[in-house]
Amino acid sequence: MTAGLKTVIYPVKDIAKAKALFTALLGVEPYVDEPYYVGFKDAGQDVGLDPSGHSKGLTGPVPYWHVDDIKATLSALLAAGAETLQDVQEVGGGRLIASVKDTDGNQVGLIQDTAA
């Protein structure tokens, strides 16, 4: 079960320039502003900028589906033919992420928020 597509992560090479561009686009300041990640919240969406994204194999923006059980969802996707790009990993605040490549090579991200 998903709670929808609520997060998109962009790999960026120059986080300062990307932050300026997305601040201008969204008209809001980031809620997270760290050298390793900049995050914006706007209109119910979470937009993230990852300066390490390219080195992680991201070739463009990756949509992240918010799910209730990330391990079960990942298992179901793998059984349906997806290939693991990033196994389940905790990224802080109880948030778990993972990503796969579908049978057409598209990247699909998963997020589970476990913190109350």
C-alpha atoms as a PDB file:
ATOM      1  CA  MET A   1       0.000   0.000   0.000  1.00  0.00           C
ATOM      2  CA  THR A   2       1.315   3.436  -0.867  1.00  0.00           C
ATOM      3  CA  ALA A   3       0.527   6.891   0.430  1.00  0.00           C
ATOM      4  CA  GLY A   4       1.310   8.249  -3.022  1.00  0.00           C
ATOM      5  CA  LEU A   5       4.167   9.825  -4.872  1.00  0.00           C
ATOM      6  CA  LYS A   6       5.261  12.633  -2.568  1.00  0.00           C
ATOM      7  CA  THR A   7       9.026  12.975  -2.999  1.00  0.00           C
ATOM      8  CA  VAL A   8      11.325  13.631  -5.944  1.00  0.00           C
ATOM      9  CA  ILE A   9      15.112  13.628  -5.531  1.00  0.00           C
ATOM     10  CA  TYR A  10      17.304  15.419  -8.067  1.00  0.00           C
ATOM     11  CA  PRO A  11      21.000  14.571  -8.406  1.00  0.00           C
ATOM     12  CA  VAL A  12      22.933  17.845  -8.604  1.00  0.00           C
ATOM     13  CA  LYS A  13      26.553  18.739  -9.276  1.00  0.00           C
ATOM     14  CA  ASP A  14      26.524  22.237  -7.738  1.00  0.00           C
ATOM     15  CA  ILE A  15      24.231  22.253  -4.712  1.00  0.00           C
ATOM     16  CA  ALA A  16      24.453  26.039  -4.208  1.00  0.00           C
ATOM     17  CA  LYS A  17      23.307  26.754  -7.777  1.00  0.00           C
ATOM     18  CA  ALA A  18      20.601  24.085  -7.583  1.00  0.00           C
ATOM     19  CA  LYS A  19      19.390  25.477  -4.247  1.00  0.00           C
ATOM     20  CA  ALA A  20      19.112  28.974  -5.763  1.00  0.00           C
ATOM     21  CA  LEU A  21      17.210  27.624  -8.774  1.00  0.00           C
ATOM     22  CA  PHE A  22      14.701  25.610  -6.710  1.00  0.00           C
ATOM     23  CA  THR A  23      14.251  28.463  -4.210  1.00  0.00           C
ATOM     24  CA  ALA A  24      13.316  30.693  -7.152  1.00  0.00           C
ATOM     25  CA  LEU A  25      11.048  28.039  -8.690  1.00  0.00           C
ATOM     26  CA  LEU A  26       9.202  27.041  -5.514  1.00  0.00           C
ATOM     27  CA  GLY A  27       9.239  30.415  -3.770  1.00  0.00           C
ATOM     28  CA  VAL A  28      10.148  28.842  -0.420  1.00  0.00           C
ATOM     29  CA  GLU A  29      13.319  28.403   1.578  1.00  0.00           C
ATOM     30  CA  PRO A  30      14.615  24.864   2.171  1.00  0.00           C
ATOM     31  CA  TYR A  31      13.548  23.074   5.355  1.00  0.00           C
ATOM     32  CA  VAL A  32      16.812  21.092   5.242  1.00  0.00           C
ATOM     33  CA  ASP A  33      19.955  22.894   4.124  1.00  0.00           C
ATOM     34  CA  GLU A  34      23.027  20.722   4.596  1.00  0.00           C
ATOM     35  CA  PRO A  35      26.090  20.139   2.397  1.00  0.00           C
ATOM     36  CA  TYR A  36      24.894  16.559   1.776  1.00  0.00           C
ATOM     37  CA  TYR A  37      21.181  17.332   1.084  1.00  0.00           C
ATOM     38  CA  VAL A  38      18.844  20.267   0.533  1.00  0.00           C
ATOM     39  CA  GLY A  39      15.113  19.661   0.906  1.00  0.00           C
ATOM     40  CA  PHE A  40      12.088  21.781   0.068  1.00  0.00           C
ATOM     41  CA  LYS A  41       8.424  21.286   0.959  1.00  0.00           C
ATOM     42  CA  ASP A  42       5.870  22.866  -1.342  1.00  0.00           C
ATOM     43  CA  ALA A  43       2.245  22.048  -2.181  1.00  0.00           C
ATOM     44  CA  GLY A  44       2.416  18.693  -0.395  1.00  0.00           C
ATOM     45  CA  GLN A  45       5.564  17.674  -2.256  1.00  0.00           C
ATOM     46  CA  ASP A  46       9.059  17.076  -0.959  1.00  0.00           C
ATOM     47  CA  VAL A  47      11.787  18.089  -3.435  1.00  0.00           C
ATOM     48  CA  GLY A  48      15.311  17.002  -2.554  1.00  0.00           C
ATOM     49  CA  LEU A  49      18.695  17.928  -4.000  1.00  0.00           C
ATOM     50  CA  ASP A  50      21.414  15.291  -3.606  1.00  0.00           C
ATOM     51  CA  PRO A  51      24.982  16.340  -4.474  1.00  0.00           C
ATOM     52  CA  SER A  52      26.045  12.685  -4.250  1.00  0.00           C
ATOM     53  CA  GLY A  53      23.242  11.507  -6.520  1.00  0.00           C
ATOM     54  CA  HIS A  54      25.332  11.116  -9.652  1.00  0.00           C
ATOM     55  CA  SER A  55      27.911   8.997  -7.829  1.00  0.00           C
ATOM     56  CA  LYS A  56      25.025   6.813  -6.570  1.00  0.00           C
ATOM     57  CA  GLY A  57      23.976   6.165 -10.168  1.00  0.00           C
ATOM     58  CA  LEU A  58      21.109   8.648 -10.406  1.00  0.00           C
ATOM     59  CA  THR A  59      20.787   9.810 -13.997  1.00  0.00           C
ATOM     60  CA  GLY A  60      17.918  12.230 -13.412  1.00  0.00           C
ATOM     61  CA  PRO A  61      15.118  12.960 -10.977  1.00  0.00           C
ATOM     62  CA  VAL A  62      13.859   9.915  -9.071  1.00  0.00           C
ATOM     63  CA  PRO A  63      10.259   9.684  -7.849  1.00  0.00           C
ATOM     64  CA  TYR A  64       9.835   8.184  -4.382  1.00  0.00           C
ATOM     65  CA  TRP A  65       6.642   6.374  -3.434  1.00  0.00           C
ATOM     66  CA  HIS A  66       5.753   6.552   0.251  1.00  0.00           C
ATOM     67  CA  VAL A  67       4.913   3.044   1.454  1.00  0.00           C
ATOM     68  CA  ASP A  68       3.720   1.404   4.660  1.00  0.00           C
ATOM     69  CA  ASP A  69       6.155  -1.540   4.566  1.00  0.00           C
ATOM     70  CA  ILE A  70       9.308  -0.853   2.575  1.00  0.00           C
ATOM     71  CA  LYS A  71      10.737  -4.370   2.902  1.00  0.00           C
ATOM     72  CA  ALA A  72       7.538  -6.037   1.693  1.00  0.00           C
ATOM     73  CA  THR A  73       7.182  -3.538  -1.165  1.00  0.00           C
ATOM     74  CA  LEU A  74      10.803  -3.986  -2.211  1.00  0.00           C
ATOM     75  CA  SER A  75      10.381  -7.760  -2.136  1.00  0.00           C
ATOM     76  CA  ALA A  76       7.236  -7.555  -4.290  1.00  0.00           C
ATOM     77  CA  LEU A  77       8.976  -5.312  -6.829  1.00  0.00           C
ATOM     78  CA  LEU A  78      11.956  -7.669  -7.051  1.00  0.00           C
ATOM     79  CA  ALA A  79       9.615 -10.632  -7.534  1.00  0.00           C
ATOM     80  CA  ALA A  80       7.945  -8.694 -10.359  1.00  0.00           C
ATOM     81  CA  GLY A  81      11.263  -8.264 -12.175  1.00  0.00           C
ATOM     82  CA  ALA A  82      12.793  -5.096 -10.726  1.00  0.00           C
ATOM     83  CA  GLU A  83      16.516  -4.878  -9.956  1.00  0.00           C
ATOM     84  CA  THR A  84      17.865  -3.460  -6.680  1.00  0.00           C
ATOM     85  CA  LEU A  85      19.735  -0.183  -7.018  1.00  0.00           C
ATOM     86  CA  GLN A  86      19.822   0.669  -3.301  1.00  0.00           C
ATOM     87  CA  ASP A  87      18.776  -1.733  -0.576  1.00  0.00           C
ATOM     88  CA  VAL A  88      16.798  -0.454   2.417  1.00  0.00           C
ATOM     89  CA  GLN A  89      18.838   2.161   4.268  1.00  0.00           C
ATOM     90  CA  GLU A  90      18.025   4.440   7.204  1.00  0.00           C
ATOM     91  CA  VAL A  91      18.753   8.093   6.337  1.00  0.00           C
ATOM     92  CA  GLY A  92      17.882   9.787   9.616  1.00  0.00           C
ATOM     93  CA  GLY A  93      14.824  10.561  11.664  1.00  0.00           C
ATOM     94  CA  GLY A  94      13.481   7.049  11.244  1.00  0.00           C
ATOM     95  CA  ARG A  95      13.153   7.430   7.477  1.00  0.00           C
ATOM     96  CA  LEU A  96      13.984   4.371   5.373  1.00  0.00           C
ATOM     97  CA  ILE A  97      14.693   4.548   1.648  1.00  0.00           C
ATOM     98  CA  ALA A  98      15.395   2.062  -1.126  1.00  0.00           C
ATOM     99  CA  SER A  99      15.348   2.145  -4.919  1.00  0.00           C
ATOM    100  CA  VAL A 100      14.987  -0.229  -7.830  1.00  0.00           C
ATOM    101  CA  LYS A 101      15.247  -0.185 -11.584  1.00  0.00           C
ATOM    102  CA  ASP A 102      12.119  -1.434 -13.333  1.00  0.00           C
ATOM    103  CA  THR A 103      12.199  -3.751 -16.349  1.00  0.00           C
ATOM    104  CA  ASP A 104      12.485  -0.711 -18.665  1.00  0.00           C
ATOM    105  CA  GLY A 105      15.405   0.814 -16.746  1.00  0.00           C
ATOM    106  CA  ASN A 106      13.374   3.494 -14.941  1.00  0.00           C
ATOM    107  CA  GLN A 107      14.361   4.251 -11.372  1.00  0.00           C
ATOM    108  CA  VAL A 108      11.677   3.904  -8.693  1.00  0.00           C
ATOM    109  CA  GLY A 109      12.294   5.043  -5.139  1.00  0.00           C
ATOM    110  CA  LEU A 110      10.592   3.917  -1.944  1.00  0.00           C
ATOM    111  CA  ILE A 111      10.287   5.779   1.366  1.00  0.00           C
ATOM    112  CA  GLN A 112       8.940   4.575   4.689  1.00  0.00           C
ATOM    113  CA  ASP A 113       8.687   6.996   7.585  1.00  0.00           C
ATOM    114  CA  THR A 114       8.957   4.966  10.784  1.00  0.00           C
ATOM    115  CA  ALA A 115       9.240   7.863  13.213  1.00  0.00           C
ATOM    116  CA  ALA A 116       6.115   8.908  15.029  1.00  0.00           C
END
